[in-house]
Amino acid sequence: MVGSSSKNTPLILEKTDLAKYFHAVSDGNNISHSKPDPEVFLKAADYLNLQSSECVVVEDAEAGIDAGTAGGFLTVGIGCAAQYEKTKYPIKRLTELLEFPELTV
């Protein structure tokens, strides 16, 4: 699932050939409020019939971490968001997600 405030998300996923890896997209085309409002992530969880407590938000921006936290999601920060004090799990590489058993199924 992708949760992005950008209205260009479908185009970017198509151009990078990543669209096939995601079951659903919640983006700027179907939300009324941008991050730090949690709407985009809450809709994403809803598309998958999951509760926010069953999902993880991986973000590179503080506003995304704030949105994930406000929505009740576990938050993983990468890049600049890894340094943010509200980030639950800071990482440098996506492969580090595998090091946190509570984040894997």
PDB file of N, CA and C in Angstrom:
ATOM      1  N   MET A   1       0.834  -1.173   0.000  1.00  0.00           N
ATOM      2  CA  MET A   1       0.000   0.000   0.000  1.00  0.00           C
ATOM      3  C   MET A   1       0.879   1.236   0.000  1.00  0.00           C
ATOM      4  N   VAL A   2       0.501   2.200  -0.757  1.00  0.00           N
ATOM      5  CA  VAL A   2       1.166   3.492  -0.763  1.00  0.00           C
ATOM      6  C   VAL A   2       0.197   4.518  -0.191  1.00  0.00           C
ATOM      7  N   GLY A   3       0.694   5.344   0.708  1.00  0.00           N
ATOM      8  CA  GLY A   3      -0.053   6.474   1.237  1.00  0.00           C
ATOM      9  C   GLY A   3       0.775   7.719   1.022  1.00  0.00           C
ATOM     10  N   SER A   4       0.352   8.574   0.104  1.00  0.00           N
ATOM     11  CA  SER A   4       1.112   9.764  -0.240  1.00  0.00           C
ATOM     12  C   SER A   4       0.159  10.941  -0.423  1.00  0.00           C
ATOM     13  N   SER A   5       0.593  12.114  -0.037  1.00  0.00           N
ATOM     14  CA  SER A   5      -0.226  13.300  -0.250  1.00  0.00           C
ATOM     15  C   SER A   5      -0.119  13.823  -1.679  1.00  0.00           C
ATOM     16  N   SER A   6       0.817  13.314  -2.448  1.00  0.00           N
ATOM     17  CA  SER A   6       1.038  13.765  -3.825  1.00  0.00           C
ATOM     18  C   SER A   6      -0.064  13.276  -4.757  1.00  0.00           C
ATOM     19  N   LYS A   7      -0.502  14.148  -5.650  1.00  0.00           N
ATOM     20  CA  LYS A   7      -1.469  13.755  -6.671  1.00  0.00           C
ATOM     21  C   LYS A   7      -0.776  13.057  -7.839  1.00  0.00           C
ATOM     22  N   ASN A   8       0.539  13.067  -7.857  1.00  0.00           N
ATOM     23  CA  ASN A   8       1.310  12.436  -8.930  1.00  0.00           C
ATOM     24  C   ASN A   8       1.673  10.988  -8.624  1.00  0.00           C
ATOM     25  N   THR A   9       1.227  10.468  -7.513  1.00  0.00           N
ATOM     26  CA  THR A   9       1.612   9.118  -7.092  1.00  0.00           C
ATOM     27  C   THR A   9       1.356   8.054  -8.155  1.00  0.00           C
ATOM     28  N   PRO A  10       0.157   7.973  -8.750  1.00  0.00           N
ATOM     29  CA  PRO A  10      -0.068   6.933  -9.761  1.00  0.00           C
ATOM     30  C   PRO A  10       0.907   7.046 -10.943  1.00  0.00           C
ATOM     31  N   LEU A  11       1.170   8.261 -11.399  1.00  0.00           N
ATOM     32  CA  LEU A  11       2.093   8.469 -12.505  1.00  0.00           C
ATOM     33  C   LEU A  11       3.513   8.043 -12.135  1.00  0.00           C
ATOM     34  N   ILE A  12       3.957   8.409 -10.949  1.00  0.00           N
ATOM     35  CA  ILE A  12       5.298   8.039 -10.500  1.00  0.00           C
ATOM     36  C   ILE A  12       5.433   6.528 -10.374  1.00  0.00           C
ATOM     37  N   LEU A  13       4.430   5.880  -9.800  1.00  0.00           N
ATOM     38  CA  LEU A  13       4.475   4.422  -9.667  1.00  0.00           C
ATOM     39  C   LEU A  13       4.500   3.743 -11.034  1.00  0.00           C
ATOM     40  N   GLU A  14       3.759   4.290 -11.973  1.00  0.00           N
ATOM     41  CA  GLU A  14       3.739   3.726 -13.324  1.00  0.00           C
ATOM     42  C   GLU A  14       5.099   3.928 -14.009  1.00  0.00           C
ATOM     43  N   LYS A  15       5.630   5.126 -13.955  1.00  0.00           N
ATOM     44  CA  LYS A  15       6.894   5.443 -14.637  1.00  0.00           C
ATOM     45  C   LYS A  15       8.086   4.687 -14.053  1.00  0.00           C
ATOM     46  N   THR A  16       8.017   4.360 -12.764  1.00  0.00           N
ATOM     47  CA  THR A  16       9.111   3.629 -12.118  1.00  0.00           C
ATOM     48  C   THR A  16       8.872   2.115 -12.126  1.00  0.00           C
ATOM     49  N   ASP A  17       7.763   1.706 -12.728  1.00  0.00           N
ATOM     50  CA  ASP A  17       7.385   0.292 -12.822  1.00  0.00           C
ATOM     51  C   ASP A  17       7.173  -0.349 -11.441  1.00  0.00           C
ATOM     52  N   LEU A  18       6.739   0.454 -10.493  1.00  0.00           N
ATOM     53  CA  LEU A  18       6.499  -0.048  -9.133  1.00  0.00           C
ATOM     54  C   LEU A  18       5.022  -0.311  -8.851  1.00  0.00           C
ATOM     55  N   ALA A  19       4.128   0.158  -9.701  1.00  0.00           N
ATOM     56  CA  ALA A  19       2.688   0.028  -9.440  1.00  0.00           C
ATOM     57  C   ALA A  19       2.268  -1.415  -9.197  1.00  0.00           C
ATOM     58  N   LYS A  20       2.902  -2.344  -9.879  1.00  0.00           N
ATOM     59  CA  LYS A  20       2.520  -3.757  -9.761  1.00  0.00           C
ATOM     60  C   LYS A  20       2.781  -4.336  -8.374  1.00  0.00           C
ATOM     61  N   TYR A  21       3.565  -3.642  -7.561  1.00  0.00           N
ATOM     62  CA  TYR A  21       3.908  -4.143  -6.234  1.00  0.00           C
ATOM     63  C   TYR A  21       2.950  -3.677  -5.133  1.00  0.00           C
ATOM     64  N   PHE A  22       1.983  -2.846  -5.485  1.00  0.00           N
ATOM     65  CA  PHE A  22       1.091  -2.289  -4.472  1.00  0.00           C
ATOM     66  C   PHE A  22      -0.359  -2.645  -4.783  1.00  0.00           C
ATOM     67  N   HIS A  23      -1.069  -3.110  -3.753  1.00  0.00           N
ATOM     68  CA  HIS A  23      -2.459  -3.521  -3.904  1.00  0.00           C
ATOM     69  C   HIS A  23      -3.407  -2.331  -3.954  1.00  0.00           C
ATOM     70  N   ALA A  24      -2.998  -1.220  -3.365  1.00  0.00           N
ATOM     71  CA  ALA A  24      -3.862  -0.047  -3.321  1.00  0.00           C
ATOM     72  C   ALA A  24      -3.017   1.208  -3.134  1.00  0.00           C
ATOM     73  N   VAL A  25      -3.600   2.329  -3.541  1.00  0.00           N
ATOM     74  CA  VAL A  25      -2.925   3.615  -3.401  1.00  0.00           C
ATOM     75  C   VAL A  25      -3.912   4.610  -2.794  1.00  0.00           C
ATOM     76  N   SER A  26      -3.488   5.243  -1.740  1.00  0.00           N
ATOM     77  CA  SER A  26      -4.218   6.372  -1.171  1.00  0.00           C
ATOM     78  C   SER A  26      -3.308   7.572  -1.360  1.00  0.00           C
ATOM     79  N   ASP A  27      -3.829   8.601  -2.039  1.00  0.00           N
ATOM     80  CA  ASP A  27      -2.962   9.728  -2.361  1.00  0.00           C
ATOM     81  C   ASP A  27      -3.736  11.044  -2.367  1.00  0.00           C
ATOM     82  N   GLY A  28      -3.087  12.070  -2.869  1.00  0.00           N
ATOM     83  CA  GLY A  28      -3.688  13.395  -2.896  1.00  0.00           C
ATOM     84  C   GLY A  28      -4.957  13.490  -3.718  1.00  0.00           C
ATOM     85  N   ASN A  29      -5.239  12.462  -4.506  1.00  0.00           N
ATOM     86  CA  ASN A  29      -6.454  12.458  -5.319  1.00  0.00           C
ATOM     87  C   ASN A  29      -7.696  12.006  -4.554  1.00  0.00           C
ATOM     88  N   ASN A  30      -7.508  11.402  -3.380  1.00  0.00           N
ATOM     89  CA  ASN A  30      -8.681  10.905  -2.646  1.00  0.00           C
ATOM     90  C   ASN A  30      -8.726  11.377  -1.195  1.00  0.00           C
ATOM     91  N   ILE A  31      -7.974  12.413  -0.869  1.00  0.00           N
ATOM     92  CA  ILE A  31      -7.998  12.939   0.498  1.00  0.00           C
ATOM     93  C   ILE A  31      -8.360  14.417   0.493  1.00  0.00           C
ATOM     94  N   SER A  32      -8.860  14.877   1.617  1.00  0.00           N
ATOM     95  CA  SER A  32      -9.205  16.290   1.794  1.00  0.00           C
ATOM     96  C   SER A  32      -8.149  17.036   2.582  1.00  0.00           C
ATOM     97  N   HIS A  33      -7.383  16.293   3.394  1.00  0.00           N
ATOM     98  CA  HIS A  33      -6.393  16.907   4.283  1.00  0.00           C
ATOM     99  C   HIS A  33      -5.027  16.255   4.064  1.00  0.00           C
ATOM    100  N   SER A  34      -4.008  17.090   3.892  1.00  0.00           N
ATOM    101  CA  SER A  34      -2.642  16.585   3.720  1.00  0.00           C
ATOM    102  C   SER A  34      -1.996  16.326   5.069  1.00  0.00           C
ATOM    103  N   LYS A  35      -0.874  15.624   5.034  1.00  0.00           N
ATOM    104  CA  LYS A  35      -0.082  15.398   6.238  1.00  0.00           C
ATOM    105  C   LYS A  35       0.304  16.756   6.818  1.00  0.00           C
ATOM    106  N   PRO A  36       0.273  16.926   8.094  1.00  0.00           N
ATOM    107  CA  PRO A  36       0.324  15.926   9.154  1.00  0.00           C
ATOM    108  C   PRO A  36      -1.018  15.331   9.580  1.00  0.00           C
ATOM    109  N   ASP A  37      -2.090  15.630   8.866  1.00  0.00           N
ATOM    110  CA  ASP A  37      -3.356  14.954   9.129  1.00  0.00           C
ATOM    111  C   ASP A  37      -3.198  13.484   8.744  1.00  0.00           C
ATOM    112  N   PRO A  38      -3.716  12.561   9.524  1.00  0.00           N
ATOM    113  CA  PRO A  38      -3.524  11.130   9.241  1.00  0.00           C
ATOM    114  C   PRO A  38      -4.448  10.563   8.168  1.00  0.00           C
ATOM    115  N   GLU A  39      -5.275  11.379   7.541  1.00  0.00           N
ATOM    116  CA  GLU A  39      -6.290  10.877   6.610  1.00  0.00           C
ATOM    117  C   GLU A  39      -5.730   9.929   5.544  1.00  0.00           C
ATOM    118  N   VAL A  40      -4.624  10.288   4.918  1.00  0.00           N
ATOM    119  CA  VAL A  40      -4.090   9.458   3.825  1.00  0.00           C
ATOM    120  C   VAL A  40      -3.728   8.059   4.315  1.00  0.00           C
ATOM    121  N   PHE A  41      -3.179   7.955   5.509  1.00  0.00           N
ATOM    122  CA  PHE A  41      -2.803   6.650   6.054  1.00  0.00           C
ATOM    123  C   PHE A  41      -4.020   5.877   6.552  1.00  0.00           C
ATOM    124  N   LEU A  42      -4.979   6.579   7.135  1.00  0.00           N
ATOM    125  CA  LEU A  42      -6.200   5.918   7.596  1.00  0.00           C
ATOM    126  C   LEU A  42      -6.979   5.333   6.418  1.00  0.00           C
ATOM    127  N   LYS A  43      -7.026   6.071   5.304  1.00  0.00           N
ATOM    128  CA  LYS A  43      -7.690   5.541   4.113  1.00  0.00           C
ATOM    129  C   LYS A  43      -6.937   4.341   3.564  1.00  0.00           C
ATOM    130  N   ALA A  44      -5.612   4.416   3.592  1.00  0.00           N
ATOM    131  CA  ALA A  44      -4.800   3.299   3.114  1.00  0.00           C
ATOM    132  C   ALA A  44      -5.096   2.033   3.923  1.00  0.00           C
ATOM    133  N   ALA A  45      -5.139   2.172   5.228  1.00  0.00           N
ATOM    134  CA  ALA A  45      -5.443   1.025   6.091  1.00  0.00           C
ATOM    135  C   ALA A  45      -6.853   0.502   5.806  1.00  0.00           C
ATOM    136  N   ASP A  46      -7.773   1.420   5.610  1.00  0.00           N
ATOM    137  CA  ASP A  46      -9.154   1.035   5.315  1.00  0.00           C
ATOM    138  C   ASP A  46      -9.245   0.249   4.004  1.00  0.00           C
ATOM    139  N   TYR A  47      -8.493   0.665   2.988  1.00  0.00           N
ATOM    140  CA  TYR A  47      -8.481  -0.055   1.704  1.00  0.00           C
ATOM    141  C   TYR A  47      -8.040  -1.504   1.884  1.00  0.00           C
ATOM    142  N   LEU A  48      -7.187  -1.737   2.872  1.00  0.00           N
ATOM    143  CA  LEU A  48      -6.686  -3.086   3.128  1.00  0.00           C
ATOM    144  C   LEU A  48      -7.469  -3.803   4.218  1.00  0.00           C
ATOM    145  N   ASN A  49      -8.536  -3.157   4.706  1.00  0.00           N
ATOM    146  CA  ASN A  49      -9.352  -3.707   5.792  1.00  0.00           C
ATOM    147  C   ASN A  49      -8.513  -3.994   7.033  1.00  0.00           C
ATOM    148  N   LEU A  50      -7.614  -3.072   7.350  1.00  0.00           N
ATOM    149  CA  LEU A  50      -6.746  -3.203   8.522  1.00  0.00           C
ATOM    150  C   LEU A  50      -6.955  -2.033   9.458  1.00  0.00           C
ATOM    151  N   GLN A  51      -6.682  -2.262  10.726  1.00  0.00           N
ATOM    152  CA  GLN A  51      -6.669  -1.185  11.710  1.00  0.00           C
ATOM    153  C   GLN A  51      -5.295  -0.525  11.673  1.00  0.00           C
ATOM    154  N   SER A  52      -5.222   0.718  12.075  1.00  0.00           N
ATOM    155  CA  SER A  52      -3.925   1.412  12.067  1.00  0.00           C
ATOM    156  C   SER A  52      -2.901   0.692  12.934  1.00  0.00           C
ATOM    157  N   SER A  53      -3.348   0.047  13.986  1.00  0.00           N
ATOM    158  CA  SER A  53      -2.437  -0.681  14.875  1.00  0.00           C
ATOM    159  C   SER A  53      -1.828  -1.911  14.200  1.00  0.00           C
ATOM    160  N   GLU A  54      -2.374  -2.305  13.044  1.00  0.00           N
ATOM    161  CA  GLU A  54      -1.854  -3.445  12.295  1.00  0.00           C
ATOM    162  C   GLU A  54      -0.924  -3.011  11.161  1.00  0.00           C
ATOM    163  N   CYS A  55      -0.661  -1.721  11.068  1.00  0.00           N
ATOM    164  CA  CYS A  55       0.102  -1.170   9.951  1.00  0.00           C
ATOM    165  C   CYS A  55       1.336  -0.406  10.442  1.00  0.00           C
ATOM    166  N   VAL A  56       2.251  -0.208   9.515  1.00  0.00           N
ATOM    167  CA  VAL A  56       3.463   0.555   9.783  1.00  0.00           C
ATOM    168  C   VAL A  56       3.566   1.652   8.734  1.00  0.00           C
ATOM    169  N   VAL A  57       3.860   2.847   9.179  1.00  0.00           N
ATOM    170  CA  VAL A  57       4.112   3.965   8.276  1.00  0.00           C
ATOM    171  C   VAL A  57       5.617   4.153   8.187  1.00  0.00           C
ATOM    172  N   VAL A  58       6.146   4.114   6.967  1.00  0.00           N
ATOM    173  CA  VAL A  58       7.562   4.382   6.723  1.00  0.00           C
ATOM    174  C   VAL A  58       7.630   5.746   6.051  1.00  0.00           C
ATOM    175  N   GLU A  59       8.321   6.670   6.681  1.00  0.00           N
ATOM    176  CA  GLU A  59       8.308   8.053   6.226  1.00  0.00           C
ATOM    177  C   GLU A  59       9.692   8.669   6.183  1.00  0.00           C
ATOM    178  N   ASP A  60       9.855   9.650   5.288  1.00  0.00           N
ATOM    179  CA  ASP A  60      11.096  10.404   5.222  1.00  0.00           C
ATOM    180  C   ASP A  60      10.903  11.859   5.640  1.00  0.00           C
ATOM    181  N   ALA A  61       9.692  12.195   6.105  1.00  0.00           N
ATOM    182  CA  ALA A  61       9.397  13.572   6.495  1.00  0.00           C
ATOM    183  C   ALA A  61       8.727  13.616   7.868  1.00  0.00           C
ATOM    184  N   GLU A  62       9.013  14.679   8.613  1.00  0.00           N
ATOM    185  CA  GLU A  62       8.429  14.839   9.942  1.00  0.00           C
ATOM    186  C   GLU A  62       6.910  14.906   9.888  1.00  0.00           C
ATOM    187  N   ALA A  63       6.352  15.568   8.875  1.00  0.00           N
ATOM    188  CA  ALA A  63       4.890  15.663   8.756  1.00  0.00           C
ATOM    189  C   ALA A  63       4.274  14.275   8.600  1.00  0.00           C
ATOM    190  N   GLY A  64       4.957  13.381   7.906  1.00  0.00           N
ATOM    191  CA  GLY A  64       4.470  12.013   7.756  1.00  0.00           C
ATOM    192  C   GLY A  64       4.534  11.231   9.047  1.00  0.00           C
ATOM    193  N   ILE A  65       5.597  11.443   9.812  1.00  0.00           N
ATOM    194  CA  ILE A  65       5.697  10.800  11.131  1.00  0.00           C
ATOM    195  C   ILE A  65       4.585  11.315  12.030  1.00  0.00           C
ATOM    196  N   ASP A  66       4.340  12.628  11.992  1.00  0.00           N
ATOM    197  CA  ASP A  66       3.249  13.198  12.789  1.00  0.00           C
ATOM    198  C   ASP A  66       1.905  12.610  12.372  1.00  0.00           C
ATOM    199  N   ALA A  67       1.696  12.441  11.070  1.00  0.00           N
ATOM    200  CA  ALA A  67       0.442  11.870  10.578  1.00  0.00           C
ATOM    201  C   ALA A  67       0.287  10.419  11.024  1.00  0.00           C
ATOM    202  N   GLY A  68       1.352   9.656  10.908  1.00  0.00           N
ATOM    203  CA  GLY A  68       1.301   8.262  11.341  1.00  0.00           C
ATOM    204  C   GLY A  68       1.032   8.127  12.823  1.00  0.00           C
ATOM    205  N   THR A  69       1.706   8.932  13.603  1.00  0.00           N
ATOM    206  CA  THR A  69       1.512   8.911  15.059  1.00  0.00           C
ATOM    207  C   THR A  69       0.081   9.298  15.414  1.00  0.00           C
ATOM    208  N   ALA A  70      -0.414  10.364  14.782  1.00  0.00           N
ATOM    209  CA  ALA A  70      -1.780  10.827  15.063  1.00  0.00           C
ATOM    210  C   ALA A  70      -2.823   9.779  14.696  1.00  0.00           C
ATOM    211  N   GLY A  71      -2.503   8.957  13.678  1.00  0.00           N
ATOM    212  CA  GLY A  71      -3.443   7.928  13.244  1.00  0.00           C
ATOM    213  C   GLY A  71      -3.330   6.619  14.004  1.00  0.00           C
ATOM    214  N   GLY A  72      -2.363   6.519  14.918  1.00  0.00           N
ATOM    215  CA  GLY A  72      -2.213   5.305  15.707  1.00  0.00           C
ATOM    216  C   GLY A  72      -1.350   4.243  15.055  1.00  0.00           C
ATOM    217  N   PHE A  73      -0.529   4.630  14.090  1.00  0.00           N
ATOM    218  CA  PHE A  73       0.359   3.701  13.393  1.00  0.00           C
ATOM    219  C   PHE A  73       1.722   3.657  14.069  1.00  0.00           C
ATOM    220  N   LEU A  74       2.427   2.543  13.949  1.00  0.00           N
ATOM    221  CA  LEU A  74       3.845   2.506  14.292  1.00  0.00           C
ATOM    222  C   LEU A  74       4.555   3.299  13.209  1.00  0.00           C
ATOM    223  N   THR A  75       5.560   4.062  13.589  1.00  0.00           N
ATOM    224  CA  THR A  75       6.254   4.878  12.600  1.00  0.00           C
ATOM    225  C   THR A  75       7.721   4.495  12.486  1.00  0.00           C
ATOM    226  N   VAL A  76       8.162   4.436  11.244  1.00  0.00           N
ATOM    227  CA  VAL A  76       9.553   4.185  10.909  1.00  0.00           C
ATOM    228  C   VAL A  76      10.041   5.404  10.143  1.00  0.00           C
ATOM    229  N   GLY A  77      11.131   5.981  10.603  1.00  0.00           N
ATOM    230  CA  GLY A  77      11.682   7.146   9.931  1.00  0.00           C
ATOM    231  C   GLY A  77      12.955   6.806   9.197  1.00  0.00           C
ATOM    232  N   ILE A  78      13.046   7.261   7.966  1.00  0.00           N
ATOM    233  CA  ILE A  78      14.248   7.091   7.154  1.00  0.00           C
ATOM    234  C   ILE A  78      14.645   8.475   6.640  1.00  0.00           C
ATOM    235  N   GLY A  79      15.908   8.656   6.330  1.00  0.00           N
ATOM    236  CA  GLY A  79      16.365   9.974   5.893  1.00  0.00           C
ATOM    237  C   GLY A  79      16.225  10.976   7.022  1.00  0.00           C
ATOM    238  N   CYS A  80      15.738  12.152   6.709  1.00  0.00           N
ATOM    239  CA  CYS A  80      15.579  13.221   7.720  1.00  0.00           C
ATOM    240  C   CYS A  80      14.660  12.799   8.867  1.00  0.00           C
ATOM    241  N   ALA A  81      13.642  12.011   8.564  1.00  0.00           N
ATOM    242  CA  ALA A  81      12.684  11.591   9.599  1.00  0.00           C
ATOM    243  C   ALA A  81      13.301  10.635  10.611  1.00  0.00           C
ATOM    244  N   ALA A  82      14.432  10.036  10.276  1.00  0.00           N
ATOM    245  CA  ALA A  82      15.093   9.131  11.231  1.00  0.00           C
ATOM    246  C   ALA A  82      15.603   9.899  12.444  1.00  0.00           C
ATOM    247  N   GLN A  83      15.869  11.174  12.268  1.00  0.00           N
ATOM    248  CA  GLN A  83      16.379  12.001  13.362  1.00  0.00           C
ATOM    249  C   GLN A  83      15.263  12.620  14.214  1.00  0.00           C
ATOM    250  N   TYR A  84      14.037  12.513  13.766  1.00  0.00           N
ATOM    251  CA  TYR A  84      12.901  13.164  14.421  1.00  0.00           C
ATOM    252  C   TYR A  84      12.565  12.451  15.728  1.00  0.00           C
ATOM    253  N   GLU A  85      12.369  13.224  16.784  1.00  0.00           N
ATOM    254  CA  GLU A  85      12.155  12.635  18.116  1.00  0.00           C
ATOM    255  C   GLU A  85      10.869  11.822  18.220  1.00  0.00           C
ATOM    256  N   LYS A  86       9.886  12.050  17.362  1.00  0.00           N
ATOM    257  CA  LYS A  86       8.634  11.293  17.417  1.00  0.00           C
ATOM    258  C   LYS A  86       8.697   9.975  16.646  1.00  0.00           C
ATOM    259  N   THR A  87       9.785   9.734  15.925  1.00  0.00           N
ATOM    260  CA  THR A  87       9.946   8.499  15.160  1.00  0.00           C
ATOM    261  C   THR A  87      10.166   7.334  16.109  1.00  0.00           C
ATOM    262  N   LYS A  88       9.357   6.313  15.986  1.00  0.00           N
ATOM    263  CA  LYS A  88       9.473   5.134  16.852  1.00  0.00           C
ATOM    264  C   LYS A  88      10.688   4.285  16.479  1.00  0.00           C
ATOM    265  N   TYR A  89      10.875   4.049  15.185  1.00  0.00           N
ATOM    266  CA  TYR A  89      11.980   3.219  14.704  1.00  0.00           C
ATOM    267  C   TYR A  89      12.773   3.983  13.642  1.00  0.00           C
ATOM    268  N   PRO A  90      13.926   4.525  13.984  1.00  0.00           N
ATOM    269  CA  PRO A  90      14.759   5.185  12.972  1.00  0.00           C
ATOM    270  C   PRO A  90      15.616   4.160  12.222  1.00  0.00           C
ATOM    271  N   ILE A  91      15.675   4.308  10.902  1.00  0.00           N
ATOM    272  CA  ILE A  91      16.493   3.404  10.087  1.00  0.00           C
ATOM    273  C   ILE A  91      17.275   4.213   9.053  1.00  0.00           C
ATOM    274  N   LYS A  92      18.327   3.590   8.517  1.00  0.00           N
ATOM    275  CA  LYS A  92      19.111   4.205   7.443  1.00  0.00           C
ATOM    276  C   LYS A  92      18.813   3.550   6.098  1.00  0.00           C
ATOM    277  N   ARG A  93      18.426   2.279   6.130  1.00  0.00           N
ATOM    278  CA  ARG A  93      18.130   1.512   4.915  1.00  0.00           C
ATOM    279  C   ARG A  93      16.841   0.714   5.130  1.00  0.00           C
ATOM    280  N   LEU A  94      16.085   0.558   4.068  1.00  0.00           N
ATOM    281  CA  LEU A  94      14.824  -0.185   4.175  1.00  0.00           C
ATOM    282  C   LEU A  94      15.037  -1.625   4.627  1.00  0.00           C
ATOM    283  N   THR A  95      16.173  -2.212   4.320  1.00  0.00           N
ATOM    284  CA  THR A  95      16.429  -3.593   4.743  1.00  0.00           C
ATOM    285  C   THR A  95      16.442  -3.721   6.261  1.00  0.00           C
ATOM    286  N   GLU A  96      16.649  -2.617   6.957  1.00  0.00           N
ATOM    287  CA  GLU A  96      16.637  -2.637   8.426  1.00  0.00           C
ATOM    288  C   GLU A  96      15.255  -2.948   8.995  1.00  0.00           C
ATOM    289  N   LEU A  97      14.213  -2.801   8.193  1.00  0.00           N
ATOM    290  CA  LEU A  97      12.866  -3.139   8.658  1.00  0.00           C
ATOM    291  C   LEU A  97      12.794  -4.592   9.120  1.00  0.00           C
ATOM    292  N   LEU A  98      13.587  -5.435   8.522  1.00  0.00           N
ATOM    293  CA  LEU A  98      13.598  -6.855   8.867  1.00  0.00           C
ATOM    294  C   LEU A  98      14.214  -7.119  10.241  1.00  0.00           C
ATOM    295  N   GLU A  99      14.893  -6.144  10.805  1.00  0.00           N
ATOM    296  CA  GLU A  99      15.541  -6.302  12.104  1.00  0.00           C
ATOM    297  C   GLU A  99      14.590  -6.076  13.280  1.00  0.00           C
ATOM    298  N   PHE A 100      13.366  -5.619  12.994  1.00  0.00           N
ATOM    299  CA  PHE A 100      12.399  -5.356  14.041  1.00  0.00           C
ATOM    300  C   PHE A 100      11.277  -6.387  13.949  1.00  0.00           C
ATOM    301  N   PRO A 101      11.326  -7.438  14.786  1.00  0.00           N
ATOM    302  CA  PRO A 101      10.310  -8.495  14.691  1.00  0.00           C
ATOM    303  C   PRO A 101       8.889  -7.978  14.811  1.00  0.00           C
ATOM    304  N   GLU A 102       8.674  -6.917  15.567  1.00  0.00           N
ATOM    305  CA  GLU A 102       7.315  -6.390  15.740  1.00  0.00           C
ATOM    306  C   GLU A 102       6.783  -5.720  14.475  1.00  0.00           C
ATOM    307  N   LEU A 103       7.648  -5.511  13.480  1.00  0.00           N
ATOM    308  CA  LEU A 103       7.227  -4.904  12.233  1.00  0.00           C
ATOM    309  C   LEU A 103       6.971  -5.925  11.129  1.00  0.00           C
ATOM    310  N   THR A 104       7.302  -7.174  11.376  1.00  0.00           N
ATOM    311  CA  THR A 104       7.142  -8.188  10.332  1.00  0.00           C
ATOM    312  C   THR A 104       6.012  -9.144  10.679  1.00  0.00           C
ATOM    313  N   VAL A 105       5.466  -9.752   9.655  1.00  0.00           N
ATOM    314  CA  VAL A 105       4.353 -10.692   9.835  1.00  0.00           C
ATOM    315  C   VAL A 105       4.913 -12.087   9.992  1.00  0.00           C
TER     316      VAL A 105
END
